[in-house]
Amino acid sequence: MNAARQVCMTDSKGRTLFSVPDGDIIRMFYGNGEDYFAVCRYLDETHAEIDGVRCAVREFAQRMEQNRISYAPA
């Protein structure tokens, strides 16, 4: 874990929502009342590994919006 690196979580338009330190956890809230925790690893300014899956942060946000899943620092 590298505390100096921050994973900057955005919405699908690229607006910053929050940041978490490299290796920290986000909590995802599903519409049915369930939640899930995922580890976030910094890759570069616009990419992260979230729960073991490498992706662009904006693409992750778009998928979450489409599936009506909200997320926040854990």
N, C-alpha and C. Protein backbone atom coordinates (compact mmCIF):
# COMPACT_ATOMS: atom_id res chain seq x y z
N MET A 1 0.85 -1.18 0.00
CA MET A 1 0.00 0.00 0.00
C MET A 1 0.89 1.23 0.00
N ASN A 2 0.61 2.17 -0.89
CA ASN A 2 1.38 3.40 -0.99
C ASN A 2 0.47 4.57 -0.63
N ALA A 3 0.61 5.08 0.58
CA ALA A 3 -0.28 6.13 1.08
C ALA A 3 -0.19 7.42 0.27
N ALA A 4 0.93 7.63 -0.43
CA ALA A 4 1.09 8.85 -1.21
C ALA A 4 0.20 8.84 -2.45
N ARG A 5 -0.12 7.66 -2.95
CA ARG A 5 -0.98 7.55 -4.14
C ARG A 5 -2.43 7.49 -3.71
N GLN A 6 -3.25 8.23 -4.42
CA GLN A 6 -4.69 8.28 -4.15
C GLN A 6 -5.46 7.84 -5.39
N VAL A 7 -6.45 6.99 -5.20
CA VAL A 7 -7.37 6.63 -6.28
C VAL A 7 -8.48 7.66 -6.24
N CYS A 8 -8.58 8.45 -7.29
CA CYS A 8 -9.58 9.51 -7.37
C CYS A 8 -10.82 8.96 -8.06
N MET A 9 -11.87 8.75 -7.27
CA MET A 9 -13.12 8.22 -7.80
C MET A 9 -13.95 9.38 -8.35
N THR A 10 -14.47 9.20 -9.56
CA THR A 10 -15.25 10.23 -10.23
C THR A 10 -16.62 9.69 -10.62
N ASP A 11 -17.47 10.59 -11.09
CA ASP A 11 -18.70 10.13 -11.72
C ASP A 11 -18.39 9.91 -13.20
N SER A 12 -19.38 9.53 -13.98
CA SER A 12 -19.15 9.21 -15.39
C SER A 12 -18.77 10.43 -16.23
N LYS A 13 -19.00 11.62 -15.69
CA LYS A 13 -18.62 12.85 -16.40
C LYS A 13 -17.22 13.32 -16.00
N GLY A 14 -16.59 12.61 -15.07
CA GLY A 14 -15.24 12.96 -14.65
C GLY A 14 -15.17 13.88 -13.45
N ARG A 15 -16.31 14.20 -12.84
CA ARG A 15 -16.31 15.05 -11.64
C ARG A 15 -15.87 14.22 -10.44
N THR A 16 -14.94 14.77 -9.67
CA THR A 16 -14.42 14.06 -8.51
C THR A 16 -15.48 13.88 -7.44
N LEU A 17 -15.61 12.65 -6.96
CA LEU A 17 -16.54 12.34 -5.87
C LEU A 17 -15.78 12.26 -4.55
N PHE A 18 -14.68 11.49 -4.55
CA PHE A 18 -13.84 11.33 -3.37
C PHE A 18 -12.56 10.62 -3.79
N SER A 19 -11.60 10.56 -2.91
CA SER A 19 -10.35 9.83 -3.13
C SER A 19 -10.12 8.88 -1.98
N VAL A 20 -9.48 7.76 -2.30
CA VAL A 20 -9.07 6.81 -1.27
C VAL A 20 -7.60 6.48 -1.47
N PRO A 21 -6.88 6.23 -0.40
CA PRO A 21 -5.47 5.85 -0.54
C PRO A 21 -5.33 4.52 -1.29
N ASP A 22 -4.23 4.38 -2.00
CA ASP A 22 -3.91 3.14 -2.70
C ASP A 22 -4.04 1.96 -1.74
N GLY A 23 -4.82 0.97 -2.10
CA GLY A 23 -5.00 -0.22 -1.28
C GLY A 23 -6.14 -0.12 -0.29
N ASP A 24 -6.83 1.01 -0.29
CA ASP A 24 -7.95 1.19 0.64
C ASP A 24 -9.21 0.55 0.05
N ILE A 25 -10.30 0.65 0.78
CA ILE A 25 -11.53 -0.06 0.43
C ILE A 25 -12.66 0.93 0.17
N ILE A 26 -13.48 0.60 -0.85
CA ILE A 26 -14.72 1.34 -1.06
C ILE A 26 -15.88 0.40 -0.74
N ARG A 27 -17.00 1.00 -0.39
CA ARG A 27 -18.21 0.25 -0.09
C ARG A 27 -19.23 0.57 -1.16
N MET A 28 -19.79 -0.46 -1.76
CA MET A 28 -20.80 -0.29 -2.80
C MET A 28 -22.16 -0.67 -2.23
N PHE A 29 -23.14 0.19 -2.51
CA PHE A 29 -24.50 0.02 -1.99
C PHE A 29 -25.43 -0.35 -3.14
N TYR A 30 -26.04 -1.52 -3.03
CA TYR A 30 -26.95 -2.00 -4.05
C TYR A 30 -28.38 -1.60 -3.70
N GLY A 31 -29.22 -1.49 -4.70
CA GLY A 31 -30.60 -1.07 -4.51
C GLY A 31 -31.43 -2.00 -3.65
N ASN A 32 -31.00 -3.26 -3.51
CA ASN A 32 -31.77 -4.22 -2.72
C ASN A 32 -31.37 -4.20 -1.24
N GLY A 33 -30.55 -3.23 -0.85
CA GLY A 33 -30.15 -3.11 0.54
C GLY A 33 -28.84 -3.80 0.88
N GLU A 34 -28.31 -4.60 -0.04
CA GLU A 34 -27.03 -5.26 0.21
C GLU A 34 -25.89 -4.30 -0.07
N ASP A 35 -24.74 -4.60 0.51
CA ASP A 35 -23.55 -3.82 0.20
C ASP A 35 -22.37 -4.76 -0.01
N TYR A 36 -21.31 -4.22 -0.57
CA TYR A 36 -20.14 -5.00 -0.93
C TYR A 36 -18.92 -4.12 -0.74
N PHE A 37 -17.83 -4.72 -0.31
CA PHE A 37 -16.59 -3.99 -0.11
C PHE A 37 -15.57 -4.43 -1.15
N ALA A 38 -14.85 -3.46 -1.72
CA ALA A 38 -13.87 -3.76 -2.76
C ALA A 38 -12.57 -2.98 -2.50
N VAL A 39 -11.45 -3.65 -2.71
CA VAL A 39 -10.13 -3.03 -2.57
C VAL A 39 -9.83 -2.24 -3.84
N CYS A 40 -9.30 -1.02 -3.67
CA CYS A 40 -8.93 -0.16 -4.80
C CYS A 40 -7.42 0.01 -4.83
N ARG A 41 -6.84 -0.27 -5.97
CA ARG A 41 -5.40 -0.10 -6.14
C ARG A 41 -5.14 0.92 -7.25
N TYR A 42 -4.24 1.82 -7.00
CA TYR A 42 -3.86 2.88 -7.93
C TYR A 42 -3.09 2.26 -9.09
N LEU A 43 -3.44 2.61 -10.32
CA LEU A 43 -2.67 2.24 -11.50
C LEU A 43 -2.05 3.48 -12.13
N ASP A 44 -2.87 4.48 -12.38
CA ASP A 44 -2.40 5.79 -12.83
C ASP A 44 -3.51 6.80 -12.53
N GLU A 45 -3.38 8.02 -13.02
CA GLU A 45 -4.35 9.07 -12.67
C GLU A 45 -5.79 8.73 -13.03
N THR A 46 -5.99 7.95 -14.08
CA THR A 46 -7.35 7.68 -14.55
C THR A 46 -7.75 6.21 -14.49
N HIS A 47 -6.85 5.35 -14.00
CA HIS A 47 -7.14 3.92 -13.95
C HIS A 47 -6.87 3.36 -12.57
N ALA A 48 -7.65 2.35 -12.22
CA ALA A 48 -7.49 1.69 -10.93
C ALA A 48 -7.82 0.21 -11.09
N GLU A 49 -7.37 -0.55 -10.12
CA GLU A 49 -7.78 -1.94 -10.03
C GLU A 49 -8.79 -2.00 -8.89
N ILE A 50 -10.02 -2.31 -9.22
CA ILE A 50 -11.10 -2.33 -8.23
C ILE A 50 -11.58 -3.76 -8.11
N ASP A 51 -11.39 -4.32 -6.93
CA ASP A 51 -11.76 -5.72 -6.66
C ASP A 51 -11.08 -6.66 -7.65
N GLY A 52 -9.82 -6.36 -7.98
CA GLY A 52 -9.04 -7.22 -8.86
C GLY A 52 -9.24 -7.00 -10.34
N VAL A 53 -10.11 -6.05 -10.71
CA VAL A 53 -10.39 -5.77 -12.12
C VAL A 53 -9.82 -4.41 -12.49
N ARG A 54 -8.96 -4.38 -13.50
CA ARG A 54 -8.37 -3.12 -13.97
C ARG A 54 -9.37 -2.39 -14.86
N CYS A 55 -9.54 -1.09 -14.59
CA CYS A 55 -10.50 -0.33 -15.38
C CYS A 55 -10.20 1.16 -15.30
N ALA A 56 -10.78 1.89 -16.25
CA ALA A 56 -10.75 3.35 -16.18
C ALA A 56 -11.79 3.76 -15.14
N VAL A 57 -11.45 4.71 -14.31
CA VAL A 57 -12.34 5.11 -13.22
C VAL A 57 -13.67 5.62 -13.76
N ARG A 58 -13.65 6.37 -14.85
CA ARG A 58 -14.91 6.88 -15.42
C ARG A 58 -15.78 5.75 -15.97
N GLU A 59 -15.16 4.72 -16.54
CA GLU A 59 -15.93 3.57 -17.03
C GLU A 59 -16.56 2.81 -15.86
N PHE A 60 -15.81 2.69 -14.76
CA PHE A 60 -16.37 2.06 -13.56
C PHE A 60 -17.58 2.86 -13.09
N ALA A 61 -17.44 4.18 -13.04
CA ALA A 61 -18.54 5.05 -12.61
C ALA A 61 -19.75 4.88 -13.52
N GLN A 62 -19.52 4.80 -14.81
CA GLN A 62 -20.62 4.63 -15.76
C GLN A 62 -21.36 3.31 -15.50
N ARG A 63 -20.61 2.22 -15.28
CA ARG A 63 -21.24 0.93 -14.98
C ARG A 63 -22.04 1.01 -13.68
N MET A 64 -21.48 1.67 -12.68
CA MET A 64 -22.19 1.78 -11.40
C MET A 64 -23.48 2.59 -11.57
N GLU A 65 -23.42 3.68 -12.34
CA GLU A 65 -24.62 4.50 -12.58
C GLU A 65 -25.67 3.69 -13.34
N GLN A 66 -25.25 2.95 -14.35
CA GLN A 66 -26.19 2.15 -15.13
C GLN A 66 -26.88 1.10 -14.27
N ASN A 67 -26.13 0.54 -13.31
CA ASN A 67 -26.67 -0.51 -12.44
C ASN A 67 -27.26 0.04 -11.14
N ARG A 68 -27.28 1.36 -11.02
CA ARG A 68 -27.83 2.05 -9.84
C ARG A 68 -27.17 1.58 -8.55
N ILE A 69 -25.84 1.52 -8.63
CA ILE A 69 -25.04 1.16 -7.46
C ILE A 69 -24.28 2.42 -7.03
N SER A 70 -24.42 2.81 -5.79
CA SER A 70 -23.66 3.95 -5.29
C SER A 70 -22.46 3.42 -4.53
N TYR A 71 -21.47 4.28 -4.34
CA TYR A 71 -20.24 3.84 -3.66
C TYR A 71 -19.62 5.00 -2.90
N ALA A 72 -18.89 4.64 -1.88
CA ALA A 72 -18.28 5.64 -0.98
C ALA A 72 -17.06 5.00 -0.31
N PRO A 73 -16.20 5.83 0.28
CA PRO A 73 -15.08 5.25 1.04
C PRO A 73 -15.64 4.39 2.18
N ALA A 74 -14.98 3.30 2.46
CA ALA A 74 -15.45 2.41 3.54
C ALA A 74 -14.98 2.89 4.90
